[in-house]
Amino acid sequence: MRHRRLFFSTLLAMAWSILPLKSAFADDLNETIVVTIENDIFTGSDNNYTNGFAATWTSDALSEYEKGSLPKRIANGLDFMPGFDGDQDYLTFSLVHQINTPSDITIANPPLNDQPYSGVLLFGTGLFSDRPNGSQLWTLRIGAIGPVTQADHIQIEFHDWIGADEPLGWETQLPNEALFNIGYLRTGTVAEAGPSSRFDWRFNAIGSFEIGNYATAAAAGGIFEFGGRRNDTRTTVSIENGIGIVPEPGAARSEGLDVSAYIGAGTFAVAHFAPLDGTTFRSSRSVDYSPLIGFTSVGLTARYGRLLTSFSLNKGVTFSNTDAEVDYGAISIGWTY
């Protein structure tokens, strides 16, 4: 029990660290907190990437902060990064927890050709730049994979609570290892039609890469958005959750209900992904998979006042040897303050 208390105390401290205090002289800032839950219960499956939790704080434009504030000091330390000018640039902090399991969780010793059990805990910071025809995002993530993430206890207790099958193979999970990753994402608006047209839409091209012992991969894809207030959302893409839509940093509060939808697709070229390849510096289980992974996402977003919501369904074809598919849904709830 002591190691569990230490884990959740550390988790709470990390979650608190993503909530920088506003400057006492800047009460009109539009900062945003978003909580996302991903689970395959939405698609009726219970395997592979089975659950994820993320909490993200996003600043207002860094130009809006007082000199000496925490976001301003961090931004000054990152002003050497290419493509940033301190005007429409934003800072993000995130905390992510993920659970991965094999196809059949009722087997105590899963087949070696199936995805290993693993838990992942990541703390990340990012510098986001918004421009009229696109955006870019640099990210740095550190964390751990293995029993230290307490993924086994979380899933076992949750399944016991909802009356689902007990996962029996957590004794075979990947061992503890520290994780370090650097990532870059670029989006560009290829074509769009504004609110003055009969049908308000936008198509964005997406490219990204990640380097590290958590994931080393590159992705390319596109996303078609349509509906109201599209300019208050931005596109994200990552190997663990494909394409997604999250609130635009610094977006003004909505005066009414605004709803938009999106559909996206793309491909990852993967050189390394720890939940599949296993740990880098310690011997562990691993599974063969295709280096090219396709993914699709469809979703709906809504804004009302300070409230932000999003729901999406996501699918990825992951393993070449079993043709297994990763299916899950995601719900995001955010608050602009």
Protein backbone atom coordinates (compact mmCIF):
# COMPACT_ATOMS: atom_id res chain seq x y z
CA MET A 1 0.00 0.00 0.00
CA ARG A 2 2.87 2.37 0.67
CA HIS A 3 4.03 2.35 -2.96
CA ARG A 4 0.45 3.05 -4.09
CA ARG A 5 0.18 6.06 -1.78
CA LEU A 6 3.53 7.31 -3.07
CA PHE A 7 2.36 6.86 -6.68
CA PHE A 8 -0.92 8.73 -6.23
CA SER A 9 0.80 11.48 -4.22
CA THR A 10 3.27 11.92 -7.07
CA LEU A 11 0.42 11.87 -9.60
CA LEU A 12 -1.42 14.56 -7.65
CA ALA A 13 1.71 16.71 -7.46
CA MET A 14 2.26 16.37 -11.21
CA ALA A 15 -1.38 17.22 -11.91
CA TRP A 16 -1.08 20.32 -9.71
CA SER A 17 2.02 21.36 -11.60
CA ILE A 18 0.03 21.75 -14.85
CA LEU A 19 -2.01 24.55 -13.27
CA PRO A 20 0.27 27.61 -13.28
CA LEU A 21 -1.20 30.56 -11.38
CA LYS A 22 -2.36 33.56 -13.38
CA SER A 23 -0.64 36.89 -12.99
CA ALA A 24 -2.44 39.04 -10.43
CA PHE A 25 -2.56 41.81 -13.06
CA ALA A 26 -4.05 39.71 -15.87
CA ASP A 27 -7.63 38.80 -15.01
CA ASP A 28 -8.83 38.72 -18.63
CA LEU A 29 -6.71 35.80 -19.77
CA ASN A 30 -8.34 32.90 -21.61
CA GLU A 31 -6.61 29.84 -20.15
CA THR A 32 -8.07 26.37 -20.63
CA ILE A 33 -8.13 23.07 -18.74
CA VAL A 34 -9.13 19.95 -20.73
CA VAL A 35 -9.64 16.44 -19.31
CA THR A 36 -9.78 13.55 -21.78
CA ILE A 37 -10.80 9.95 -21.15
CA GLU A 38 -10.17 7.30 -23.82
CA ASN A 39 -11.56 3.79 -23.46
CA ASP A 40 -12.48 0.88 -25.68
CA ILE A 41 -15.72 0.40 -23.76
CA PHE A 42 -17.20 2.91 -26.24
CA THR A 43 -16.54 0.48 -29.09
CA GLY A 44 -17.44 -2.76 -27.27
CA SER A 45 -13.87 -4.12 -27.16
CA ASP A 46 -11.42 -4.59 -24.30
CA ASN A 47 -7.95 -5.09 -25.71
CA ASN A 48 -4.72 -3.47 -26.94
CA TYR A 49 -4.84 0.26 -26.15
CA THR A 50 -7.69 -0.06 -23.65
CA ASN A 51 -7.70 3.11 -21.55
CA GLY A 52 -6.13 6.54 -21.41
CA PHE A 53 -6.47 9.63 -19.23
CA ALA A 54 -5.05 13.07 -19.95
CA ALA A 55 -5.27 16.47 -18.25
CA THR A 56 -3.94 19.45 -20.20
CA TRP A 57 -3.54 23.11 -19.26
CA THR A 58 -3.11 25.59 -22.11
CA SER A 59 -2.12 29.21 -21.66
CA ASP A 60 -3.47 32.28 -23.37
CA ALA A 61 -1.18 33.94 -25.93
CA LEU A 62 2.16 34.42 -24.18
CA SER A 63 2.17 38.08 -25.20
CA GLU A 64 -0.75 38.62 -22.78
CA TYR A 65 1.22 37.70 -19.63
CA GLU A 66 2.95 40.09 -17.29
CA LYS A 67 6.73 40.16 -17.21
CA GLY A 68 7.99 37.83 -14.50
CA SER A 69 4.99 35.45 -14.62
CA LEU A 70 5.73 31.72 -14.86
CA PRO A 71 4.49 31.30 -18.47
CA LYS A 72 6.51 34.36 -19.53
CA ARG A 73 9.70 33.06 -17.89
CA ILE A 74 9.31 29.66 -19.53
CA ALA A 75 8.63 31.29 -22.91
CA ASN A 76 11.75 33.44 -22.59
CA GLY A 77 13.78 30.29 -22.04
CA LEU A 78 12.37 28.78 -25.25
CA ASP A 79 12.58 31.82 -27.52
CA PHE A 80 15.43 30.22 -29.46
CA MET A 81 12.98 27.71 -30.98
CA PRO A 82 12.41 28.23 -34.74
CA GLY A 83 9.06 29.59 -35.83
CA PHE A 84 8.07 31.36 -32.61
CA ASP A 85 7.82 35.11 -32.09
CA GLY A 86 6.05 35.40 -28.72
CA ASP A 87 2.85 36.85 -30.25
CA GLN A 88 0.39 34.05 -31.02
CA ASP A 89 2.41 31.43 -29.14
CA TYR A 90 1.03 29.30 -26.32
CA LEU A 91 2.38 27.06 -23.56
CA THR A 92 0.89 23.69 -22.62
CA PHE A 93 1.39 21.26 -19.73
CA SER A 94 -0.09 17.77 -19.79
CA LEU A 95 -0.32 14.64 -17.68
CA VAL A 96 -1.11 11.36 -19.47
CA HIS A 97 -1.77 7.85 -18.17
CA GLN A 98 -2.31 4.89 -20.54
CA ILE A 99 -3.14 1.20 -20.15
CA ASN A 100 -2.35 -1.43 -22.81
CA THR A 101 -3.42 -5.09 -22.71
CA PRO A 102 -3.39 -8.15 -25.01
CA SER A 103 -6.42 -9.28 -27.02
CA ASP A 104 -7.62 -11.75 -24.37
CA ILE A 105 -7.24 -10.51 -20.78
CA THR A 106 -8.57 -13.77 -19.29
CA ILE A 107 -5.30 -15.61 -20.07
CA ALA A 108 -2.74 -15.51 -17.25
CA ASN A 109 0.19 -16.02 -19.64
CA PRO A 110 -0.75 -14.25 -22.92
CA PRO A 111 0.73 -15.48 -26.22
CA LEU A 112 4.09 -13.96 -27.09
CA ASN A 113 2.70 -12.74 -30.42
CA ASP A 114 0.14 -10.50 -28.69
CA GLN A 115 0.59 -7.00 -27.27
CA PRO A 116 2.15 -7.07 -23.78
CA TYR A 117 0.50 -5.64 -20.70
CA SER A 118 1.88 -2.20 -19.90
CA GLY A 119 1.13 1.08 -18.20
CA VAL A 120 2.55 4.44 -19.33
CA LEU A 121 2.76 7.68 -17.36
CA LEU A 122 3.96 10.84 -19.15
CA PHE A 123 4.37 14.46 -18.12
CA GLY A 124 4.70 16.81 -21.06
CA THR A 125 5.22 20.43 -21.92
CA GLY A 126 4.70 22.02 -25.30
CA LEU A 127 5.13 25.27 -27.19
CA PHE A 128 2.34 25.89 -29.68
CA SER A 129 2.38 28.50 -32.43
CA ASP A 130 -0.82 29.58 -34.18
CA ARG A 131 -0.70 31.19 -37.62
CA PRO A 132 -3.49 32.12 -40.09
CA ASN A 133 -2.83 29.15 -42.39
CA GLY A 134 -1.60 26.55 -39.94
CA SER A 135 0.14 25.79 -36.68
CA GLN A 136 3.15 24.05 -35.18
CA LEU A 137 3.79 22.37 -31.84
CA TRP A 138 7.03 21.27 -30.18
CA THR A 139 6.64 18.84 -27.26
CA LEU A 140 8.91 17.36 -24.60
CA ARG A 141 7.64 14.38 -22.61
CA ILE A 142 9.22 12.50 -19.74
CA GLY A 143 7.79 9.66 -17.72
CA ALA A 144 7.89 5.91 -17.15
CA ILE A 145 6.55 2.58 -18.32
CA GLY A 146 6.05 -0.42 -16.07
CA PRO A 147 4.59 -1.35 -12.66
CA VAL A 148 5.49 2.07 -11.25
CA THR A 149 2.52 3.49 -13.23
CA GLN A 150 0.07 1.36 -11.17
CA ALA A 151 -1.84 0.48 -14.34
CA ASP A 152 -2.40 -3.08 -13.12
CA HIS A 153 -4.12 -2.01 -9.89
CA ILE A 154 -6.17 0.64 -11.70
CA GLN A 155 -7.54 -1.78 -14.30
CA ILE A 156 -8.12 -4.67 -11.87
CA GLU A 157 -10.02 -2.50 -9.41
CA PHE A 158 -12.01 -0.75 -12.16
CA HIS A 159 -13.03 -4.07 -13.73
CA ASP A 160 -14.05 -5.35 -10.30
CA TRP A 161 -16.16 -2.21 -9.79
CA ILE A 162 -18.04 -2.51 -13.11
CA GLY A 163 -18.26 -6.32 -13.04
CA ALA A 164 -16.07 -6.91 -16.12
CA ASP A 165 -13.63 -9.78 -16.73
CA GLU A 166 -10.66 -9.76 -14.39
CA PRO A 167 -7.38 -9.13 -16.27
CA LEU A 168 -5.21 -12.09 -15.28
CA GLY A 169 -1.90 -11.43 -17.03
CA TRP A 170 -0.49 -8.35 -15.33
CA GLU A 171 2.35 -10.42 -13.85
CA THR A 172 3.78 -10.46 -17.40
CA GLN A 173 3.71 -6.67 -17.90
CA LEU A 174 6.67 -4.70 -19.23
CA PRO A 175 9.28 -3.77 -16.58
CA ASN A 176 9.99 -0.30 -15.25
CA GLU A 177 11.89 2.08 -17.50
CA ALA A 178 12.19 5.86 -17.73
CA LEU A 179 10.83 7.45 -20.92
CA PHE A 180 11.99 10.53 -22.82
CA ASN A 181 10.49 11.88 -26.04
CA ILE A 182 10.67 14.96 -28.27
CA GLY A 183 7.95 15.61 -30.83
CA TYR A 184 6.98 18.09 -33.55
CA LEU A 185 3.64 18.63 -35.30
CA ARG A 186 2.81 20.86 -38.26
CA THR A 187 -0.63 21.54 -39.75
CA GLY A 188 -1.55 23.59 -42.79
CA THR A 189 -4.89 24.67 -44.20
CA VAL A 190 -5.10 23.37 -47.77
CA ALA A 191 -8.58 24.70 -48.56
CA GLU A 192 -11.53 26.22 -46.72
CA ALA A 193 -14.85 28.02 -47.09
CA GLY A 194 -15.80 30.58 -44.46
CA PRO A 195 -19.09 31.33 -42.68
CA SER A 196 -20.29 33.44 -45.60
CA SER A 197 -20.58 30.32 -47.77
CA ARG A 198 -23.48 27.87 -47.70
CA PHE A 199 -21.30 25.17 -46.16
CA ASP A 200 -18.58 26.20 -43.68
CA TRP A 201 -15.64 23.79 -43.92
CA ARG A 202 -11.84 23.45 -43.76
CA PHE A 203 -9.32 20.78 -44.81
CA ASN A 204 -6.00 20.59 -42.96
CA ALA A 205 -2.93 18.56 -43.92
CA ILE A 206 -0.98 17.14 -40.97
CA GLY A 207 2.63 16.03 -40.50
CA SER A 208 4.42 15.05 -37.31
CA PHE A 209 7.36 13.11 -35.89
CA GLU A 210 8.50 11.83 -32.51
CA ILE A 211 11.92 10.70 -31.34
CA GLY A 212 12.66 8.87 -28.11
CA ASN A 213 12.43 5.54 -26.28
CA TYR A 214 8.67 5.94 -25.89
CA ALA A 215 7.99 6.45 -29.60
CA THR A 216 10.06 7.05 -32.72
CA ALA A 217 7.70 7.60 -35.62
CA ALA A 218 6.50 9.94 -38.35
CA ALA A 219 2.92 10.58 -39.44
CA ALA A 220 1.09 12.17 -42.34
CA GLY A 221 -2.62 12.67 -42.81
CA GLY A 222 -5.50 15.02 -43.30
CA ILE A 223 -8.62 16.16 -41.52
CA PHE A 224 -11.86 17.60 -42.86
CA GLU A 225 -13.74 19.90 -40.46
CA PHE A 226 -17.15 21.45 -40.96
CA GLY A 227 -19.62 23.44 -38.89
CA GLY A 228 -19.45 26.47 -36.62
CA ARG A 229 -16.43 28.01 -34.85
CA ARG A 230 -13.83 25.79 -36.53
CA ASN A 231 -11.25 28.48 -35.84
CA ASP A 232 -11.64 27.78 -32.13
CA THR A 233 -10.23 24.25 -32.48
CA ARG A 234 -6.87 22.85 -33.52
CA THR A 235 -5.72 19.48 -34.82
CA THR A 236 -3.50 17.07 -32.90
CA VAL A 237 -2.02 13.76 -33.93
CA SER A 238 -0.02 11.21 -31.93
CA ILE A 239 0.86 7.56 -32.23
CA GLU A 240 -1.20 6.53 -29.21
CA ASN A 241 -4.42 8.27 -30.20
CA GLY A 242 -4.35 9.15 -33.90
CA ILE A 243 -6.08 12.37 -34.92
CA GLY A 244 -7.94 14.53 -32.45
CA ILE A 245 -9.48 17.97 -32.08
CA VAL A 246 -8.90 20.11 -28.98
CA PRO A 247 -9.81 23.71 -28.10
CA GLU A 248 -7.72 26.41 -29.69
CA PRO A 249 -5.40 28.12 -27.17
CA GLY A 250 -6.72 31.49 -26.11
CA ALA A 251 -10.10 30.91 -27.77
CA ALA A 252 -12.71 33.40 -26.64
CA ARG A 253 -15.74 32.15 -24.74
CA SER A 254 -18.72 31.26 -26.89
CA GLU A 255 -21.84 33.43 -26.64
CA GLY A 256 -24.07 30.53 -27.67
CA LEU A 257 -24.00 26.88 -28.70
CA ASP A 258 -21.54 26.14 -31.50
CA VAL A 259 -21.15 22.64 -32.94
CA SER A 260 -18.68 21.29 -35.49
CA ALA A 261 -17.65 17.85 -36.72
CA TYR A 262 -14.59 16.29 -38.31
CA ILE A 263 -13.31 13.18 -40.06
CA GLY A 264 -9.62 12.42 -40.47
CA ALA A 265 -7.28 9.69 -41.64
CA GLY A 266 -3.57 9.10 -41.97
CA THR A 267 -0.61 6.75 -41.68
CA PHE A 268 2.23 6.31 -39.19
CA ALA A 269 5.66 4.99 -40.10
CA VAL A 270 6.88 3.50 -36.82
CA ALA A 271 10.46 2.62 -35.92
CA HIS A 272 9.84 2.12 -32.19
CA PHE A 273 6.82 2.18 -29.88
CA ALA A 274 7.47 1.03 -26.32
CA PRO A 275 4.05 -0.61 -25.63
CA LEU A 276 4.69 -2.87 -28.64
CA ASP A 277 8.49 -3.10 -28.87
CA GLY A 278 9.05 -3.37 -25.13
CA THR A 279 11.66 -1.60 -23.05
CA THR A 280 14.88 -0.33 -24.63
CA PHE A 281 17.40 -0.94 -21.84
CA ARG A 282 15.87 -4.00 -20.17
CA SER A 283 14.80 -7.38 -21.51
CA SER A 284 11.03 -7.61 -21.96
CA ARG A 285 8.22 -8.96 -24.06
CA SER A 286 7.55 -7.47 -27.49
CA VAL A 287 5.35 -8.12 -30.50
CA ASP A 288 5.95 -7.92 -34.25
CA TYR A 289 3.82 -5.39 -36.08
CA SER A 290 3.70 -3.60 -39.39
CA PRO A 291 5.89 -0.49 -39.51
CA LEU A 292 3.02 1.26 -41.31
CA ILE A 293 -0.06 1.86 -39.16
CA GLY A 294 -3.23 3.35 -40.59
CA PHE A 295 -5.74 5.26 -38.48
CA THR A 296 -9.08 7.01 -38.82
CA SER A 297 -11.01 9.32 -36.49
CA VAL A 298 -14.49 10.84 -36.57
CA GLY A 299 -15.67 13.30 -33.97
CA LEU A 300 -18.02 16.00 -32.81
CA THR A 301 -17.12 19.12 -30.82
CA ALA A 302 -19.33 21.65 -29.07
CA ARG A 303 -18.79 24.93 -27.21
CA TYR A 304 -21.19 26.76 -24.95
CA GLY A 305 -19.96 29.71 -22.94
CA ARG A 306 -16.84 28.57 -21.09
CA LEU A 307 -17.61 24.86 -21.58
CA LEU A 308 -15.84 22.78 -24.27
CA THR A 309 -16.78 19.19 -25.15
CA SER A 310 -15.65 16.64 -27.73
CA PHE A 311 -16.42 13.01 -28.55
CA SER A 312 -14.62 10.85 -31.11
CA LEU A 313 -14.41 7.27 -32.35
CA ASN A 314 -10.97 6.05 -33.41
CA LYS A 315 -9.65 3.00 -35.25
CA GLY A 316 -6.13 1.83 -36.04
CA VAL A 317 -4.80 -1.28 -37.78
CA THR A 318 -1.73 -2.22 -35.77
CA PHE A 319 -0.40 -5.78 -36.02
CA SER A 320 0.64 -7.42 -39.26
CA ASN A 321 0.69 -10.93 -37.78
CA THR A 322 -2.82 -10.95 -36.30
CA ASP A 323 -4.55 -8.12 -38.18
CA ALA A 324 -5.81 -6.87 -34.82
CA GLU A 325 -7.55 -3.53 -34.76
CA VAL A 326 -7.34 -0.88 -32.08
CA ASP A 327 -10.79 0.64 -31.46
CA TYR A 328 -11.69 3.15 -28.77
CA GLY A 329 -13.72 6.24 -28.07
CA ALA A 330 -12.61 9.50 -26.47
CA ILE A 331 -14.50 12.11 -24.45
CA SER A 332 -12.98 15.52 -23.68
CA ILE A 333 -14.39 18.16 -21.34
CA GLY A 334 -12.74 21.56 -21.03
CA TRP A 335 -13.25 24.83 -19.24
CA THR A 336 -11.98 28.26 -20.30
CA TYR A 337 -11.40 30.65 -17.41
